[in-house]
Amino acid sequence: MPLTPDKRSYFESIGTVAVNNEIVDGKHGEIGSPDMLDAFLWIESEEKRTNSESSELRDAREARTLAIAEEALSIARDDLSIAKSSAASARENARWAMYAAIIAIIAAVISIKDQINALIIGTP
């Protein structure tokens, strides 16, 4: 037999702890009485509702956590791609810097060739 609206609203107004206390104090009759069963059934339904709400909150929190992790992974992949591109660009820039240094050495040798000849041959 379902709870009457009056009993349900009474139980809801005092809460599960108070209903448990009333059961212990014997305010809902003897064990097995309809009033006692109503109180037990209401407490059980409240616990199920609370557990269900907790489960839904946990599921929502886990879904948010997963979404954040997926976004972080996407950002990390983008950063890795940029880093790889930067590394390739740095290698190419280093190669061009080496070529420029070789050219600068050749230009320096050419510009002082007369001094080199003078040292080797001994003519001013």
PDB file of N, CA and C in Angstrom:
ATOM      1  N   MET A   1       0.852  -1.186   0.000  1.00  0.00           N
ATOM      2  CA  MET A   1       0.000   0.000   0.000  1.00  0.00           C
ATOM      3  C   MET A   1       0.892   1.242   0.000  1.00  0.00           C
ATOM      4  N   PRO A   2       0.676   2.133  -0.942  1.00  0.00           N
ATOM      5  CA  PRO A   2       1.519   3.327  -1.023  1.00  0.00           C
ATOM      6  C   PRO A   2       1.252   4.277   0.148  1.00  0.00           C
ATOM      7  N   LEU A   3       2.239   5.111   0.389  1.00  0.00           N
ATOM      8  CA  LEU A   3       2.106   6.107   1.459  1.00  0.00           C
ATOM      9  C   LEU A   3       1.018   7.116   1.121  1.00  0.00           C
ATOM     10  N   THR A   4       0.324   7.546   2.131  1.00  0.00           N
ATOM     11  CA  THR A   4      -0.641   8.624   1.918  1.00  0.00           C
ATOM     12  C   THR A   4       0.141   9.922   1.761  1.00  0.00           C
ATOM     13  N   PRO A   5      -0.418  10.887   1.054  1.00  0.00           N
ATOM     14  CA  PRO A   5       0.282  12.162   0.886  1.00  0.00           C
ATOM     15  C   PRO A   5       0.610  12.820   2.232  1.00  0.00           C
ATOM     16  N   ASP A   6      -0.270  12.662   3.216  1.00  0.00           N
ATOM     17  CA  ASP A   6      -0.013  13.267   4.528  1.00  0.00           C
ATOM     18  C   ASP A   6       1.207  12.627   5.192  1.00  0.00           C
ATOM     19  N   LYS A   7       1.285  11.299   5.151  1.00  0.00           N
ATOM     20  CA  LYS A   7       2.429  10.619   5.759  1.00  0.00           C
ATOM     21  C   LYS A   7       3.721  10.983   5.031  1.00  0.00           C
ATOM     22  N   ARG A   8       3.633  10.991   3.707  1.00  0.00           N
ATOM     23  CA  ARG A   8       4.821  11.318   2.911  1.00  0.00           C
ATOM     24  C   ARG A   8       5.315  12.723   3.248  1.00  0.00           C
ATOM     25  N   SER A   9       4.404  13.683   3.306  1.00  0.00           N
ATOM     26  CA  SER A   9       4.829  15.060   3.587  1.00  0.00           C
ATOM     27  C   SER A   9       5.335  15.183   5.021  1.00  0.00           C
ATOM     28  N   TYR A  10       4.754  14.417   5.945  1.00  0.00           N
ATOM     29  CA  TYR A  10       5.258  14.433   7.322  1.00  0.00           C
ATOM     30  C   TYR A  10       6.683  13.899   7.358  1.00  0.00           C
ATOM     31  N   PHE A  11       6.909  12.742   6.734  1.00  0.00           N
ATOM     32  CA  PHE A  11       8.248  12.154   6.719  1.00  0.00           C
ATOM     33  C   PHE A  11       9.247  13.101   6.057  1.00  0.00           C
ATOM     34  N   GLU A  12       8.843  13.680   4.948  1.00  0.00           N
ATOM     35  CA  GLU A  12       9.737  14.598   4.246  1.00  0.00           C
ATOM     36  C   GLU A  12      10.047  15.837   5.081  1.00  0.00           C
ATOM     37  N   SER A  13       9.064  16.277   5.862  1.00  0.00           N
ATOM     38  CA  SER A  13       9.289  17.485   6.665  1.00  0.00           C
ATOM     39  C   SER A  13      10.277  17.252   7.803  1.00  0.00           C
ATOM     40  N   ILE A  14      10.338  16.013   8.340  1.00  0.00           N
ATOM     41  CA  ILE A  14      11.249  15.775   9.461  1.00  0.00           C
ATOM     42  C   ILE A  14      12.560  15.115   9.022  1.00  0.00           C
ATOM     43  N   GLY A  15      12.570  14.456   7.862  1.00  0.00           N
ATOM     44  CA  GLY A  15      13.800  13.863   7.336  1.00  0.00           C
ATOM     45  C   GLY A  15      14.042  12.447   7.817  1.00  0.00           C
ATOM     46  N   THR A  16      14.996  11.797   7.170  1.00  0.00           N
ATOM     47  CA  THR A  16      15.253  10.385   7.438  1.00  0.00           C
ATOM     48  C   THR A  16      15.800  10.130   8.840  1.00  0.00           C
ATOM     49  N   VAL A  17      16.653  11.006   9.324  1.00  0.00           N
ATOM     50  CA  VAL A  17      17.225  10.795  10.664  1.00  0.00           C
ATOM     51  C   VAL A  17      16.122  10.826  11.712  1.00  0.00           C
ATOM     52  N   ALA A  18      15.235  11.804  11.607  1.00  0.00           N
ATOM     53  CA  ALA A  18      14.147  11.908  12.584  1.00  0.00           C
ATOM     54  C   ALA A  18      13.190  10.725  12.470  1.00  0.00           C
ATOM     55  N   VAL A  19      12.912  10.277  11.245  1.00  0.00           N
ATOM     56  CA  VAL A  19      12.034   9.114  11.076  1.00  0.00           C
ATOM     57  C   VAL A  19      12.691   7.889  11.704  1.00  0.00           C
ATOM     58  N   ASN A  20      13.992   7.717  11.502  1.00  0.00           N
ATOM     59  CA  ASN A  20      14.710   6.606  12.153  1.00  0.00           C
ATOM     60  C   ASN A  20      14.603   6.706  13.674  1.00  0.00           C
ATOM     61  N   ASN A  21      14.776   7.899  14.183  1.00  0.00           N
ATOM     62  CA  ASN A  21      14.661   8.089  15.643  1.00  0.00           C
ATOM     63  C   ASN A  21      13.262   7.744  16.140  1.00  0.00           C
ATOM     64  N   GLU A  22      12.243   8.129  15.383  1.00  0.00           N
ATOM     65  CA  GLU A  22      10.867   7.814  15.771  1.00  0.00           C
ATOM     66  C   GLU A  22      10.632   6.298  15.754  1.00  0.00           C
ATOM     67  N   ILE A  23      11.240   5.610  14.774  1.00  0.00           N
ATOM     68  CA  ILE A  23      11.111   4.151  14.726  1.00  0.00           C
ATOM     69  C   ILE A  23      11.729   3.540  15.974  1.00  0.00           C
ATOM     70  N   VAL A  24      12.922   4.000  16.334  1.00  0.00           N
ATOM     71  CA  VAL A  24      13.614   3.484  17.524  1.00  0.00           C
ATOM     72  C   VAL A  24      12.802   3.774  18.784  1.00  0.00           C
ATOM     73  N   ASP A  25      12.187   4.956  18.821  1.00  0.00           N
ATOM     74  CA  ASP A  25      11.393   5.332  19.993  1.00  0.00           C
ATOM     75  C   ASP A  25      10.038   4.631  20.023  1.00  0.00           C
ATOM     76  N   GLY A  26       9.688   3.904  18.958  1.00  0.00           N
ATOM     77  CA  GLY A  26       8.428   3.171  18.929  1.00  0.00           C
ATOM     78  C   GLY A  26       7.233   4.021  18.548  1.00  0.00           C
ATOM     79  N   LYS A  27       7.455   5.190  17.941  1.00  0.00           N
ATOM     80  CA  LYS A  27       6.342   6.077  17.592  1.00  0.00           C
ATOM     81  C   LYS A  27       5.545   5.583  16.390  1.00  0.00           C
ATOM     82  N   HIS A  28       6.050   4.573  15.693  1.00  0.00           N
ATOM     83  CA  HIS A  28       5.332   4.051  14.524  1.00  0.00           C
ATOM     84  C   HIS A  28       4.839   2.632  14.770  1.00  0.00           C
ATOM     85  N   GLY A  29       4.679   2.301  16.022  1.00  0.00           N
ATOM     86  CA  GLY A  29       4.089   1.005  16.384  1.00  0.00           C
ATOM     87  C   GLY A  29       5.130  -0.096  16.485  1.00  0.00           C
ATOM     88  N   GLU A  30       4.600  -1.299  16.562  1.00  0.00           N
ATOM     89  CA  GLU A  30       5.422  -2.495  16.705  1.00  0.00           C
ATOM     90  C   GLU A  30       6.060  -2.873  15.365  1.00  0.00           C
ATOM     91  N   ILE A  31       7.085  -3.713  15.433  1.00  0.00           N
ATOM     92  CA  ILE A  31       7.714  -4.212  14.223  1.00  0.00           C
ATOM     93  C   ILE A  31       6.674  -4.978  13.421  1.00  0.00           C
ATOM     94  N   GLY A  32       6.581  -4.652  12.142  1.00  0.00           N
ATOM     95  CA  GLY A  32       5.633  -5.307  11.252  1.00  0.00           C
ATOM     96  C   GLY A  32       4.313  -4.574  11.133  1.00  0.00           C
ATOM     97  N   SER A  33       4.092  -3.554  11.951  1.00  0.00           N
ATOM     98  CA  SER A  33       2.837  -2.799  11.850  1.00  0.00           C
ATOM     99  C   SER A  33       2.861  -1.961  10.570  1.00  0.00           C
ATOM    100  N   PRO A  34       1.686  -1.625  10.039  1.00  0.00           N
ATOM    101  CA  PRO A  34       1.628  -0.835   8.803  1.00  0.00           C
ATOM    102  C   PRO A  34       2.369   0.498   8.923  1.00  0.00           C
ATOM    103  N   ASP A  35       2.240   1.188  10.069  1.00  0.00           N
ATOM    104  CA  ASP A  35       2.946   2.465  10.237  1.00  0.00           C
ATOM    105  C   ASP A  35       4.459   2.270  10.200  1.00  0.00           C
ATOM    106  N   MET A  36       4.945   1.208  10.855  1.00  0.00           N
ATOM    107  CA  MET A  36       6.376   0.918  10.870  1.00  0.00           C
ATOM    108  C   MET A  36       6.854   0.594   9.450  1.00  0.00           C
ATOM    109  N   LEU A  37       6.087  -0.209   8.719  1.00  0.00           N
ATOM    110  CA  LEU A  37       6.452  -0.561   7.342  1.00  0.00           C
ATOM    111  C   LEU A  37       6.488   0.678   6.447  1.00  0.00           C
ATOM    112  N   ASP A  38       5.500   1.562   6.634  1.00  0.00           N
ATOM    113  CA  ASP A  38       5.484   2.811   5.860  1.00  0.00           C
ATOM    114  C   ASP A  38       6.769   3.612   6.107  1.00  0.00           C
ATOM    115  N   ALA A  39       7.152   3.701   7.377  1.00  0.00           N
ATOM    116  CA  ALA A  39       8.364   4.460   7.721  1.00  0.00           C
ATOM    117  C   ALA A  39       9.598   3.813   7.086  1.00  0.00           C
ATOM    118  N   PHE A  40       9.702   2.484   7.203  1.00  0.00           N
ATOM    119  CA  PHE A  40      10.837   1.780   6.616  1.00  0.00           C
ATOM    120  C   PHE A  40      10.867   1.944   5.095  1.00  0.00           C
ATOM    121  N   LEU A  41       9.708   1.799   4.468  1.00  0.00           N
ATOM    122  CA  LEU A  41       9.648   1.930   3.009  1.00  0.00           C
ATOM    123  C   LEU A  41      10.012   3.337   2.552  1.00  0.00           C
ATOM    124  N   TRP A  42       9.551   4.343   3.309  1.00  0.00           N
ATOM    125  CA  TRP A  42       9.897   5.715   2.942  1.00  0.00           C
ATOM    126  C   TRP A  42      11.399   5.939   3.074  1.00  0.00           C
ATOM    127  N   ILE A  43      12.000   5.458   4.173  1.00  0.00           N
ATOM    128  CA  ILE A  43      13.453   5.605   4.359  1.00  0.00           C
ATOM    129  C   ILE A  43      14.189   4.909   3.224  1.00  0.00           C
ATOM    130  N   GLU A  44      13.760   3.721   2.865  1.00  0.00           N
ATOM    131  CA  GLU A  44      14.405   2.982   1.776  1.00  0.00           C
ATOM    132  C   GLU A  44      14.293   3.741   0.455  1.00  0.00           C
ATOM    133  N   SER A  45      13.105   4.305   0.191  1.00  0.00           N
ATOM    134  CA  SER A  45      12.931   5.045  -1.060  1.00  0.00           C
ATOM    135  C   SER A  45      13.790   6.315  -1.075  1.00  0.00           C
ATOM    136  N   GLU A  46      13.941   6.955   0.081  1.00  0.00           N
ATOM    137  CA  GLU A  46      14.802   8.140   0.166  1.00  0.00           C
ATOM    138  C   GLU A  46      16.267   7.775  -0.064  1.00  0.00           C
ATOM    139  N   GLU A  47      16.704   6.652   0.495  1.00  0.00           N
ATOM    140  CA  GLU A  47      18.086   6.208   0.293  1.00  0.00           C
ATOM    141  C   GLU A  47      18.337   5.886  -1.179  1.00  0.00           C
ATOM    142  N   LYS A  48      17.363   5.224  -1.822  1.00  0.00           N
ATOM    143  CA  LYS A  48      17.508   4.922  -3.251  1.00  0.00           C
ATOM    144  C   LYS A  48      17.579   6.209  -4.075  1.00  0.00           C
ATOM    145  N   ARG A  49      16.725   7.177  -3.734  1.00  0.00           N
ATOM    146  CA  ARG A  49      16.722   8.451  -4.456  1.00  0.00           C
ATOM    147  C   ARG A  49      18.053   9.165  -4.265  1.00  0.00           C
ATOM    148  N   THR A  50      18.549   9.194  -3.029  1.00  0.00           N
ATOM    149  CA  THR A  50      19.821   9.847  -2.735  1.00  0.00           C
ATOM    150  C   THR A  50      20.961   9.156  -3.476  1.00  0.00           C
ATOM    151  N   ASN A  51      20.966   7.813  -3.454  1.00  0.00           N
ATOM    152  CA  ASN A  51      22.004   7.063  -4.167  1.00  0.00           C
ATOM    153  C   ASN A  51      21.943   7.319  -5.665  1.00  0.00           C
ATOM    154  N   SER A  52      20.724   7.399  -6.188  1.00  0.00           N
ATOM    155  CA  SER A  52      20.553   7.662  -7.613  1.00  0.00           C
ATOM    156  C   SER A  52      21.070   9.055  -7.971  1.00  0.00           C
ATOM    157  N   GLU A  53      20.732  10.046  -7.138  1.00  0.00           N
ATOM    158  CA  GLU A  53      21.218  11.407  -7.382  1.00  0.00           C
ATOM    159  C   GLU A  53      22.741  11.462  -7.290  1.00  0.00           C
ATOM    160  N   SER A  54      23.309  10.769  -6.300  1.00  0.00           N
ATOM    161  CA  SER A  54      24.767  10.733  -6.149  1.00  0.00           C
ATOM    162  C   SER A  54      25.409  10.089  -7.372  1.00  0.00           C
ATOM    163  N   SER A  55      24.793   9.027  -7.853  1.00  0.00           N
ATOM    164  CA  SER A  55      25.314   8.334  -9.030  1.00  0.00           C
ATOM    165  C   SER A  55      25.262   9.242 -10.255  1.00  0.00           C
ATOM    166  N   GLU A  56      24.168   9.963 -10.409  1.00  0.00           N
ATOM    167  CA  GLU A  56      24.037  10.881 -11.549  1.00  0.00           C
ATOM    168  C   GLU A  56      25.061  12.004 -11.458  1.00  0.00           C
ATOM    169  N   LEU A  57      25.277  12.534 -10.254  1.00  0.00           N
ATOM    170  CA  LEU A  57      26.290  13.580 -10.069  1.00  0.00           C
ATOM    171  C   LEU A  57      27.685  13.043 -10.384  1.00  0.00           C
ATOM    172  N   ARG A  58      27.980  11.830  -9.918  1.00  0.00           N
ATOM    173  CA  ARG A  58      29.286  11.220 -10.179  1.00  0.00           C
ATOM    174  C   ARG A  58      29.475  11.008 -11.681  1.00  0.00           C
ATOM    175  N   ASP A  59      28.416  10.518 -12.353  1.00  0.00           N
ATOM    176  CA  ASP A  59      28.503  10.302 -13.799  1.00  0.00           C
ATOM    177  C   ASP A  59      28.744  11.618 -14.535  1.00  0.00           C
ATOM    178  N   ALA A  60      28.048  12.672 -14.113  1.00  0.00           N
ATOM    179  CA  ALA A  60      28.235  13.982 -14.748  1.00  0.00           C
ATOM    180  C   ALA A  60      29.653  14.503 -14.499  1.00  0.00           C
ATOM    181  N   ARG A  61      30.160  14.325 -13.278  1.00  0.00           N
ATOM    182  CA  ARG A  61      31.514  14.767 -12.945  1.00  0.00           C
ATOM    183  C   ARG A  61      32.538  13.992 -13.781  1.00  0.00           C
ATOM    184  N   GLU A  62      32.335  12.688 -13.924  1.00  0.00           N
ATOM    185  CA  GLU A  62      33.252  11.875 -14.726  1.00  0.00           C
ATOM    186  C   GLU A  62      33.202  12.288 -16.197  1.00  0.00           C
ATOM    187  N   ALA A  63      32.016  12.628 -16.686  1.00  0.00           N
ATOM    188  CA  ALA A  63      31.888  13.076 -18.071  1.00  0.00           C
ATOM    189  C   ALA A  63      32.633  14.395 -18.273  1.00  0.00           C
ATOM    190  N   ARG A  64      32.507  15.322 -17.295  1.00  0.00           N
ATOM    191  CA  ARG A  64      33.245  16.596 -17.383  1.00  0.00           C
ATOM    192  C   ARG A  64      34.747  16.352 -17.334  1.00  0.00           C
ATOM    193  N   THR A  65      35.172  15.452 -16.465  1.00  0.00           N
ATOM    194  CA  THR A  65      36.599  15.136 -16.349  1.00  0.00           C
ATOM    195  C   THR A  65      37.119  14.561 -17.659  1.00  0.00           C
ATOM    196  N   LEU A  66      36.345  13.670 -18.264  1.00  0.00           N
ATOM    197  CA  LEU A  66      36.741  13.080 -19.540  1.00  0.00           C
ATOM    198  C   LEU A  66      36.825  14.154 -20.627  1.00  0.00           C
ATOM    199  N   ALA A  67      35.859  15.061 -20.660  1.00  0.00           N
ATOM    200  CA  ALA A  67      35.879  16.133 -21.656  1.00  0.00           C
ATOM    201  C   ALA A  67      37.117  17.020 -21.473  1.00  0.00           C
ATOM    202  N   ILE A  68      37.448  17.325 -20.218  1.00  0.00           N
ATOM    203  CA  ILE A  68      38.638  18.146 -19.939  1.00  0.00           C
ATOM    204  C   ILE A  68      39.896  17.404 -20.384  1.00  0.00           C
ATOM    205  N   ALA A  69      39.962  16.104 -20.084  1.00  0.00           N
ATOM    206  CA  ALA A  69      41.130  15.311 -20.481  1.00  0.00           C
ATOM    207  C   ALA A  69      41.266  15.251 -22.003  1.00  0.00           C
ATOM    208  N   GLU A  70      40.136  15.097 -22.696  1.00  0.00           N
ATOM    209  CA  GLU A  70      40.182  15.058 -24.161  1.00  0.00           C
ATOM    210  C   GLU A  70      40.645  16.398 -24.725  1.00  0.00           C
ATOM    211  N   GLU A  71      40.184  17.489 -24.133  1.00  0.00           N
ATOM    212  CA  GLU A  71      40.614  18.818 -24.584  1.00  0.00           C
ATOM    213  C   GLU A  71      42.105  19.017 -24.318  1.00  0.00           C
ATOM    214  N   ALA A  72      42.572  18.574 -23.149  1.00  0.00           N
ATOM    215  CA  ALA A  72      43.998  18.685 -22.823  1.00  0.00           C
ATOM    216  C   ALA A  72      44.840  17.864 -23.794  1.00  0.00           C
ATOM    217  N   LEU A  73      44.360  16.670 -24.156  1.00  0.00           N
ATOM    218  CA  LEU A  73      45.075  15.838 -25.122  1.00  0.00           C
ATOM    219  C   LEU A  73      45.141  16.521 -26.483  1.00  0.00           C
ATOM    220  N   SER A  74      44.053  17.127 -26.890  1.00  0.00           N
ATOM    221  CA  SER A  74      44.025  17.839 -28.163  1.00  0.00           C
ATOM    222  C   SER A  74      45.024  19.000 -28.162  1.00  0.00           C
ATOM    223  N   ILE A  75      45.053  19.739 -27.066  1.00  0.00           N
ATOM    224  CA  ILE A  75      45.992  20.861 -26.952  1.00  0.00           C
ATOM    225  C   ILE A  75      47.432  20.334 -26.978  1.00  0.00           C
ATOM    226  N   ALA A  76      47.683  19.243 -26.267  1.00  0.00           N
ATOM    227  CA  ALA A  76      49.022  18.663 -26.241  1.00  0.00           C
ATOM    228  C   ALA A  76      49.444  18.199 -27.636  1.00  0.00           C
ATOM    229  N   ARG A  77      48.516  17.613 -28.378  1.00  0.00           N
ATOM    230  CA  ARG A  77      48.841  17.182 -29.745  1.00  0.00           C
ATOM    231  C   ARG A  77      49.175  18.380 -30.626  1.00  0.00           C
ATOM    232  N   ASP A  78      48.399  19.453 -30.486  1.00  0.00           N
ATOM    233  CA  ASP A  78      48.675  20.667 -31.253  1.00  0.00           C
ATOM    234  C   ASP A  78      50.048  21.226 -30.890  1.00  0.00           C
ATOM    235  N   ASP A  79      50.356  21.260 -29.591  1.00  0.00           N
ATOM    236  CA  ASP A  79      51.658  21.764 -29.143  1.00  0.00           C
ATOM    237  C   ASP A  79      52.793  20.897 -29.675  1.00  0.00           C
ATOM    238  N   LEU A  80      52.604  19.581 -29.696  1.00  0.00           N
ATOM    239  CA  LEU A  80      53.619  18.681 -30.223  1.00  0.00           C
ATOM    240  C   LEU A  80      53.847  18.938 -31.702  1.00  0.00           C
ATOM    241  N   SER A  81      52.770  19.144 -32.424  1.00  0.00           N
ATOM    242  CA  SER A  81      52.884  19.434 -33.850  1.00  0.00           C
ATOM    243  C   SER A  81      53.665  20.730 -34.073  1.00  0.00           C
ATOM    244  N   ILE A  82      53.364  21.748 -33.280  1.00  0.00           N
ATOM    245  CA  ILE A  82      54.068  23.034 -33.393  1.00  0.00           C
ATOM    246  C   ILE A  82      55.542  22.853 -33.029  1.00  0.00           C
ATOM    247  N   ALA A  83      55.808  22.076 -31.984  1.00  0.00           N
ATOM    248  CA  ALA A  83      57.196  21.845 -31.563  1.00  0.00           C
ATOM    249  C   ALA A  83      57.980  21.112 -32.644  1.00  0.00           C
ATOM    250  N   LYS A  84      57.353  20.104 -33.266  1.00  0.00           N
ATOM    251  CA  LYS A  84      58.025  19.388 -34.348  1.00  0.00           C
ATOM    252  C   LYS A  84      58.330  20.328 -35.507  1.00  0.00           C
ATOM    253  N   SER A  85      57.369  21.176 -35.840  1.00  0.00           N
ATOM    254  CA  SER A  85      57.562  22.135 -36.919  1.00  0.00           C
ATOM    255  C   SER A  85      58.680  23.114 -36.575  1.00  0.00           C
ATOM    256  N   SER A  86      58.705  23.569 -35.318  1.00  0.00           N
ATOM    257  CA  SER A  86      59.753  24.500 -34.886  1.00  0.00           C
ATOM    258  C   SER A  86      61.120  23.828 -34.917  1.00  0.00           C
ATOM    259  N   ALA A  87      61.189  22.560 -34.532  1.00  0.00           N
ATOM    260  CA  ALA A  87      62.456  21.840 -34.550  1.00  0.00           C
ATOM    261  C   ALA A  87      62.971  21.690 -35.977  1.00  0.00           C
ATOM    262  N   ALA A  88      62.081  21.371 -36.901  1.00  0.00           N
ATOM    263  CA  ALA A  88      62.480  21.243 -38.302  1.00  0.00           C
ATOM    264  C   ALA A  88      62.966  22.590 -38.826  1.00  0.00           C
ATOM    265  N   SER A  89      62.265  23.647 -38.469  1.00  0.00           N
ATOM    266  CA  SER A  89      62.663  24.992 -38.894  1.00  0.00           C
ATOM    267  C   SER A  89      64.010  25.371 -38.286  1.00  0.00           C
ATOM    268  N   ALA A  90      64.234  25.009 -37.036  1.00  0.00           N
ATOM    269  CA  ALA A  90      65.509  25.315 -36.375  1.00  0.00           C
ATOM    270  C   ALA A  90      66.656  24.580 -37.053  1.00  0.00           C
ATOM    271  N   ARG A  91      66.453  23.317 -37.433  1.00  0.00           N
ATOM    272  CA  ARG A  91      67.494  22.569 -38.141  1.00  0.00           C
ATOM    273  C   ARG A  91      67.828  23.237 -39.470  1.00  0.00           C
ATOM    274  N   GLU A  92      66.800  23.668 -40.181  1.00  0.00           N
ATOM    275  CA  GLU A  92      67.032  24.334 -41.463  1.00  0.00           C
ATOM    276  C   GLU A  92      67.760  25.663 -41.259  1.00  0.00           C
ATOM    277  N   ASN A  93      67.365  26.410 -40.235  1.00  0.00           N
ATOM    278  CA  ASN A  93      68.048  27.678 -39.949  1.00  0.00           C
ATOM    279  C   ASN A  93      69.505  27.451 -39.568  1.00  0.00           C
ATOM    280  N   ALA A  94      69.769  26.377 -38.820  1.00  0.00           N
ATOM    281  CA  ALA A  94      71.150  26.059 -38.439  1.00  0.00           C
ATOM    282  C   ALA A  94      71.975  25.724 -39.682  1.00  0.00           C
ATOM    283  N   ARG A  95      71.385  25.012 -40.606  1.00  0.00           N
ATOM    284  CA  ARG A  95      72.083  24.680 -41.852  1.00  0.00           C
ATOM    285  C   ARG A  95      72.443  25.950 -42.615  1.00  0.00           C
ATOM    286  N   TRP A  96      71.486  26.883 -42.717  1.00  0.00           N
ATOM    287  CA  TRP A  96      71.761  28.145 -43.428  1.00  0.00           C
ATOM    288  C   TRP A  96      72.806  28.973 -42.682  1.00  0.00           C
ATOM    289  N   ALA A  97      72.790  28.922 -41.369  1.00  0.00           N
ATOM    290  CA  ALA A  97      73.795  29.652 -40.592  1.00  0.00           C
ATOM    291  C   ALA A  97      75.186  29.066 -40.846  1.00  0.00           C
ATOM    292  N   MET A  98      75.275  27.752 -40.971  1.00  0.00           N
ATOM    293  CA  MET A  98      76.555  27.113 -41.267  1.00  0.00           C
ATOM    294  C   MET A  98      77.054  27.546 -42.653  1.00  0.00           C
ATOM    295  N   TYR A  99      76.155  27.558 -43.640  1.00  0.00           N
ATOM    296  CA  TYR A  99      76.539  28.011 -44.974  1.00  0.00           C
ATOM    297  C   TYR A  99      77.023  29.456 -44.932  1.00  0.00           C
ATOM    298  N   ALA A 100      76.342  30.306 -44.188  1.00  0.00           N
ATOM    299  CA  ALA A 100      76.736  31.716 -44.082  1.00  0.00           C
ATOM    300  C   ALA A 100      78.107  31.847 -43.431  1.00  0.00           C
ATOM    301  N   ALA A 101      78.380  31.018 -42.427  1.00  0.00           N
ATOM    302  CA  ALA A 101      79.686  31.063 -41.766  1.00  0.00           C
ATOM    303  C   ALA A 101      80.789  30.638 -42.723  1.00  0.00           C
ATOM    304  N   ILE A 102      80.549  29.597 -43.524  1.00  0.00           N
ATOM    305  CA  ILE A 102      81.538  29.150 -44.515  1.00  0.00           C
ATOM    306  C   ILE A 102      81.803  30.247 -45.528  1.00  0.00           C
ATOM    307  N   ILE A 103      80.746  30.877 -46.006  1.00  0.00           N
ATOM    308  CA  ILE A 103      80.900  31.964 -46.973  1.00  0.00           C
ATOM    309  C   ILE A 103      81.669  33.124 -46.351  1.00  0.00           C
ATOM    310  N   ALA A 104      81.382  33.436 -45.059  1.00  0.00           N
ATOM    311  CA  ALA A 104      82.091  34.530 -44.382  1.00  0.00           C
ATOM    312  C   ALA A 104      83.582  34.207 -44.251  1.00  0.00           C
ATOM    313  N   ILE A 105      83.916  32.953 -43.982  1.00  0.00           N
ATOM    314  CA  ILE A 105      85.327  32.558 -43.873  1.00  0.00           C
ATOM    315  C   ILE A 105      86.023  32.693 -45.227  1.00  0.00           C
ATOM    316  N   ILE A 106      85.353  32.226 -46.264  1.00  0.00           N
ATOM    317  CA  ILE A 106      85.929  32.347 -47.619  1.00  0.00           C
ATOM    318  C   ILE A 106      86.128  33.813 -47.971  1.00  0.00           C
ATOM    319  N   ALA A 107      85.127  34.662 -47.670  1.00  0.00           N
ATOM    320  CA  ALA A 107      85.247  36.095 -47.968  1.00  0.00           C
ATOM    321  C   ALA A 107      86.394  36.723 -47.178  1.00  0.00           C
ATOM    322  N   ALA A 108      86.561  36.310 -45.927  1.00  0.00           N
ATOM    323  CA  ALA A 108      87.647  36.857 -45.103  1.00  0.00           C
ATOM    324  C   ALA A 108      89.000  36.436 -45.674  1.00  0.00           C
ATOM    325  N   VAL A 109      89.115  35.175 -46.105  1.00  0.00           N
ATOM    326  CA  VAL A 109      90.376  34.698 -46.691  1.00  0.00           C
ATOM    327  C   VAL A 109      90.683  35.472 -47.973  1.00  0.00           C
ATOM    328  N   ILE A 110      89.682  35.676 -48.805  1.00  0.00           N
ATOM    329  CA  ILE A 110      89.884  36.414 -50.059  1.00  0.00           C
ATOM    330  C   ILE A 110      90.309  37.849 -49.761  1.00  0.00           C
ATOM    331  N   SER A 111      89.690  38.462 -48.752  1.00  0.00           N
ATOM    332  CA  SER A 111      90.009  39.868 -48.470  1.00  0.00           C
ATOM    333  C   SER A 111      91.423  40.049 -47.914  1.00  0.00           C
ATOM    334  N   ILE A 112      91.980  39.005 -47.315  1.00  0.00           N
ATOM    335  CA  ILE A 112      93.337  39.159 -46.776  1.00  0.00           C
ATOM    336  C   ILE A 112      94.355  38.323 -47.567  1.00  0.00           C
ATOM    337  N   LYS A 113      94.019  37.958 -48.806  1.00  0.00           N
ATOM    338  CA  LYS A 113      94.915  37.142 -49.615  1.00  0.00           C
ATOM    339  C   LYS A 113      96.250  37.817 -49.848  1.00  0.00           C
ATOM    340  N   ASP A 114      96.244  39.124 -50.028  1.00  0.00           N
ATOM    341  CA  ASP A 114      97.519  39.824 -50.249  1.00  0.00           C
ATOM    342  C   ASP A 114      98.415  39.707 -49.006  1.00  0.00           C
ATOM    343  N   GLN A 115      97.822  39.847 -47.805  1.00  0.00           N
ATOM    344  CA  GLN A 115      98.614  39.706 -46.593  1.00  0.00           C
ATOM    345  C   GLN A 115      99.137  38.274 -46.445  1.00  0.00           C
ATOM    346  N   ILE A 116      98.357  37.284 -46.821  1.00  0.00           N
ATOM    347  CA  ILE A 116      98.762  35.883 -46.742  1.00  0.00           C
ATOM    348  C   ILE A 116      99.934  35.626 -47.693  1.00  0.00           C
ATOM    349  N   ASN A 117      99.794  36.155 -48.917  1.00  0.00           N
ATOM    350  CA  ASN A 117     100.872  36.003 -49.907  1.00  0.00           C
ATOM    351  C   ASN A 117     102.152  36.659 -49.387  1.00  0.00           C
ATOM    352  N   ALA A 118     102.000  37.806 -48.788  1.00  0.00           N
ATOM    353  CA  ALA A 118     103.185  38.515 -48.270  1.00  0.00           C
ATOM    354  C   ALA A 118     103.853  37.695 -47.177  1.00  0.00           C
ATOM    355  N   LEU A 119     103.106  37.057 -46.332  1.00  0.00           N
ATOM    356  CA  LEU A 119     103.683  36.223 -45.283  1.00  0.00           C
ATOM    357  C   LEU A 119     104.364  34.988 -45.861  1.00  0.00           C
ATOM    358  N   ILE A 120     103.728  34.391 -46.869  1.00  0.00           N
ATOM    359  CA  ILE A 120     104.276  33.166 -47.434  1.00  0.00           C
ATOM    360  C   ILE A 120     105.507  33.467 -48.295  1.00  0.00           C
ATOM    361  N   ILE A 121     105.374  34.410 -49.187  1.00  0.00           N
ATOM    362  CA  ILE A 121     106.436  34.727 -50.126  1.00  0.00           C
ATOM    363  C   ILE A 121     107.472  35.652 -49.488  1.00  0.00           C
ATOM    364  N   GLY A 122     107.050  36.460 -48.638  1.00  0.00           N
ATOM    365  CA  GLY A 122     107.930  37.392 -47.958  1.00  0.00           C
ATOM    366  C   GLY A 122     108.055  38.718 -48.639  1.00  0.00           C
ATOM    367  N   THR A 123     107.172  39.043 -49.533  1.00  0.00           N
ATOM    368  CA  THR A 123     107.211  40.361 -50.190  1.00  0.00           C
ATOM    369  C   THR A 123     106.137  41.245 -49.608  1.00  0.00           C
ATOM    370  N   PRO A 124     106.428  42.496 -49.463  1.00  0.00           N
ATOM    371  CA  PRO A 124     105.441  43.427 -48.907  1.00  0.00           C
ATOM    372  C   PRO A 124     104.357  43.826 -49.866  1.00  0.00           C
TER     373      PRO A 124
END
